[in-house]
Amino acid sequence: MAAISREEVQHVAKLAHLALSDEELERVGNDLNRVLEYFNALQQIDTADVPPTSHAIPMQNVYRDDTVGTSLTTEDTVANAPDGVDEFFRVPRVVGDSEV
């Protein structure tokens, strides 16, 4: 399996909007390569006779009755917001025109 290059780590860091130092790029690259080596080792294991599972132990959902209860009014809810406008919460913009 091919190792992850420094350029690939930089590209992923840029996509995640992470500013990594040279030392951090090196450490993250090494960590990612160790993870890939571990996955490669796991792929060598014969699992032909192992049935697929979603959990290691049997699981069962526990449901409760869906009952109508009281809740806060819109005014009471927005009153607790640091920046409420009419019946809405105003939050800082997180999606922008940044270069990726």
C-alpha atoms as a PDB file:
ATOM      1  CA  MET A   1       0.000   0.000   0.000  1.00  0.00           C
ATOM      2  CA  ALA A   2       1.396   3.405  -0.965  1.00  0.00           C
ATOM      3  CA  ALA A   3       2.387   5.757   1.811  1.00  0.00           C
ATOM      4  CA  ILE A   4       0.591   9.061   2.241  1.00  0.00           C
ATOM      5  CA  SER A   5       2.812  11.850   0.980  1.00  0.00           C
ATOM      6  CA  ARG A   6       3.452  15.153   2.708  1.00  0.00           C
ATOM      7  CA  GLU A   7       1.593  16.905  -0.132  1.00  0.00           C
ATOM      8  CA  GLU A   8      -1.481  14.734   0.497  1.00  0.00           C
ATOM      9  CA  VAL A   9      -1.388  15.579   4.199  1.00  0.00           C
ATOM     10  CA  GLN A  10      -1.107  19.279   3.330  1.00  0.00           C
ATOM     11  CA  HIS A  11      -4.036  18.971   0.912  1.00  0.00           C
ATOM     12  CA  VAL A  12      -6.262  17.286   3.502  1.00  0.00           C
ATOM     13  CA  ALA A  13      -5.234  19.844   6.130  1.00  0.00           C
ATOM     14  CA  LYS A  14      -6.163  22.649   3.729  1.00  0.00           C
ATOM     15  CA  LEU A  15      -9.555  21.043   3.034  1.00  0.00           C
ATOM     16  CA  ALA A  16     -10.143  20.812   6.798  1.00  0.00           C
ATOM     17  CA  HIS A  17      -8.990  24.433   7.250  1.00  0.00           C
ATOM     18  CA  LEU A  18      -6.174  23.321   9.554  1.00  0.00           C
ATOM     19  CA  ALA A  19      -2.969  25.291   9.801  1.00  0.00           C
ATOM     20  CA  LEU A  20      -0.340  22.667  10.586  1.00  0.00           C
ATOM     21  CA  SER A  21       3.308  23.363  11.290  1.00  0.00           C
ATOM     22  CA  ASP A  22       6.028  21.379   9.519  1.00  0.00           C
ATOM     23  CA  GLU A  23       6.425  19.251  12.648  1.00  0.00           C
ATOM     24  CA  GLU A  24       2.681  18.580  12.822  1.00  0.00           C
ATOM     25  CA  LEU A  25       2.550  17.675   9.117  1.00  0.00           C
ATOM     26  CA  GLU A  26       5.311  15.151   9.667  1.00  0.00           C
ATOM     27  CA  ARG A  27       3.637  13.671  12.773  1.00  0.00           C
ATOM     28  CA  VAL A  28       0.183  13.463  11.165  1.00  0.00           C
ATOM     29  CA  GLY A  29       1.670  11.881   8.034  1.00  0.00           C
ATOM     30  CA  ASN A  30       3.450   9.254  10.130  1.00  0.00           C
ATOM     31  CA  ASP A  31       0.289   8.574  12.154  1.00  0.00           C
ATOM     32  CA  LEU A  32      -1.837   8.174   9.023  1.00  0.00           C
ATOM     33  CA  ASN A  33       0.704   5.819   7.474  1.00  0.00           C
ATOM     34  CA  ARG A  34       0.704   3.673  10.642  1.00  0.00           C
ATOM     35  CA  VAL A  35      -3.107   3.495  10.489  1.00  0.00           C
ATOM     36  CA  LEU A  36      -2.941   2.388   6.846  1.00  0.00           C
ATOM     37  CA  GLU A  37      -0.341  -0.264   7.724  1.00  0.00           C
ATOM     38  CA  TYR A  38      -2.677  -1.573  10.429  1.00  0.00           C
ATOM     39  CA  PHE A  39      -5.597  -1.722   7.972  1.00  0.00           C
ATOM     40  CA  ASN A  40      -3.365  -3.560   5.515  1.00  0.00           C
ATOM     41  CA  ALA A  41      -2.546  -6.121   8.225  1.00  0.00           C
ATOM     42  CA  LEU A  42      -6.255  -6.536   8.991  1.00  0.00           C
ATOM     43  CA  GLN A  43      -7.006  -7.150   5.313  1.00  0.00           C
ATOM     44  CA  GLN A  44      -4.691 -10.173   5.416  1.00  0.00           C
ATOM     45  CA  ILE A  45      -6.934 -11.961   7.937  1.00  0.00           C
ATOM     46  CA  ASP A  46      -9.201 -14.683   6.527  1.00  0.00           C
ATOM     47  CA  THR A  47     -12.767 -13.722   7.480  1.00  0.00           C
ATOM     48  CA  ALA A  48     -14.588 -16.004   5.023  1.00  0.00           C
ATOM     49  CA  ASP A  49     -16.244 -18.014   7.830  1.00  0.00           C
ATOM     50  CA  VAL A  50     -17.080 -14.996  10.019  1.00  0.00           C
ATOM     51  CA  PRO A  51     -20.699 -13.845   9.753  1.00  0.00           C
ATOM     52  CA  PRO A  52     -21.197 -10.106   9.247  1.00  0.00           C
ATOM     53  CA  THR A  53     -22.279  -8.198  12.348  1.00  0.00           C
ATOM     54  CA  SER A  54     -23.063  -4.618  13.214  1.00  0.00           C
ATOM     55  CA  HIS A  55     -22.247  -4.969  16.929  1.00  0.00           C
ATOM     56  CA  ALA A  56     -19.951  -7.183  18.961  1.00  0.00           C
ATOM     57  CA  ILE A  57     -22.798  -8.152  21.293  1.00  0.00           C
ATOM     58  CA  PRO A  58     -26.534  -8.620  20.597  1.00  0.00           C
ATOM     59  CA  MET A  59     -28.344  -5.280  20.783  1.00  0.00           C
ATOM     60  CA  GLN A  60     -32.018  -4.406  21.012  1.00  0.00           C
ATOM     61  CA  ASN A  61     -33.567  -0.948  20.792  1.00  0.00           C
ATOM     62  CA  VAL A  62     -35.523   0.217  23.802  1.00  0.00           C
ATOM     63  CA  TYR A  63     -38.451   2.381  22.852  1.00  0.00           C
ATOM     64  CA  ARG A  64     -40.710   4.552  24.955  1.00  0.00           C
ATOM     65  CA  ASP A  65     -44.174   5.782  24.192  1.00  0.00           C
ATOM     66  CA  ASP A  66     -44.248   8.954  22.131  1.00  0.00           C
ATOM     67  CA  THR A  67     -46.275  11.332  24.251  1.00  0.00           C
ATOM     68  CA  VAL A  68     -46.992  15.023  23.806  1.00  0.00           C
ATOM     69  CA  GLY A  69     -45.519  17.197  26.515  1.00  0.00           C
ATOM     70  CA  THR A  70     -45.083  20.841  27.230  1.00  0.00           C
ATOM     71  CA  SER A  71     -42.272  22.803  25.667  1.00  0.00           C
ATOM     72  CA  LEU A  72     -40.970  26.349  25.691  1.00  0.00           C
ATOM     73  CA  THR A  73     -42.690  28.964  23.621  1.00  0.00           C
ATOM     74  CA  THR A  74     -40.783  30.477  20.721  1.00  0.00           C
ATOM     75  CA  GLU A  75     -40.467  33.749  22.616  1.00  0.00           C
ATOM     76  CA  ASP A  76     -39.039  32.043  25.721  1.00  0.00           C
ATOM     77  CA  THR A  77     -36.580  30.072  23.616  1.00  0.00           C
ATOM     78  CA  VAL A  78     -35.290  33.070  21.665  1.00  0.00           C
ATOM     79  CA  ALA A  79     -35.143  35.109  24.872  1.00  0.00           C
ATOM     80  CA  ASN A  80     -32.293  32.826  26.027  1.00  0.00           C
ATOM     81  CA  ALA A  81     -30.311  33.328  22.821  1.00  0.00           C
ATOM     82  CA  PRO A  82     -27.304  35.662  22.875  1.00  0.00           C
ATOM     83  CA  ASP A  83     -28.485  37.169  19.587  1.00  0.00           C
ATOM     84  CA  GLY A  84     -32.141  36.414  18.855  1.00  0.00           C
ATOM     85  CA  VAL A  85     -34.027  38.205  16.100  1.00  0.00           C
ATOM     86  CA  ASP A  86     -37.818  37.882  16.000  1.00  0.00           C
ATOM     87  CA  GLU A  87     -38.343  34.116  16.260  1.00  0.00           C
ATOM     88  CA  PHE A  88     -34.887  33.099  15.020  1.00  0.00           C
ATOM     89  CA  PHE A  89     -31.383  32.562  16.364  1.00  0.00           C
ATOM     90  CA  ARG A  90     -28.703  34.676  14.689  1.00  0.00           C
ATOM     91  CA  VAL A  91     -25.381  32.831  14.458  1.00  0.00           C
ATOM     92  CA  PRO A  92     -22.021  33.694  12.895  1.00  0.00           C
ATOM     93  CA  ARG A  93     -21.617  32.757   9.269  1.00  0.00           C
ATOM     94  CA  VAL A  94     -19.556  29.574   8.915  1.00  0.00           C
ATOM     95  CA  VAL A  95     -19.773  29.057   5.158  1.00  0.00           C
ATOM     96  CA  GLY A  96     -17.836  31.551   3.127  1.00  0.00           C
ATOM     97  CA  ASP A  97     -15.984  32.190  -0.056  1.00  0.00           C
ATOM     98  CA  SER A  98     -12.709  30.720   1.205  1.00  0.00           C
ATOM     99  CA  GLU A  99     -10.341  29.065  -1.215  1.00  0.00           C
ATOM    100  CA  VAL A 100     -10.121  25.310  -1.011  1.00  0.00           C
END
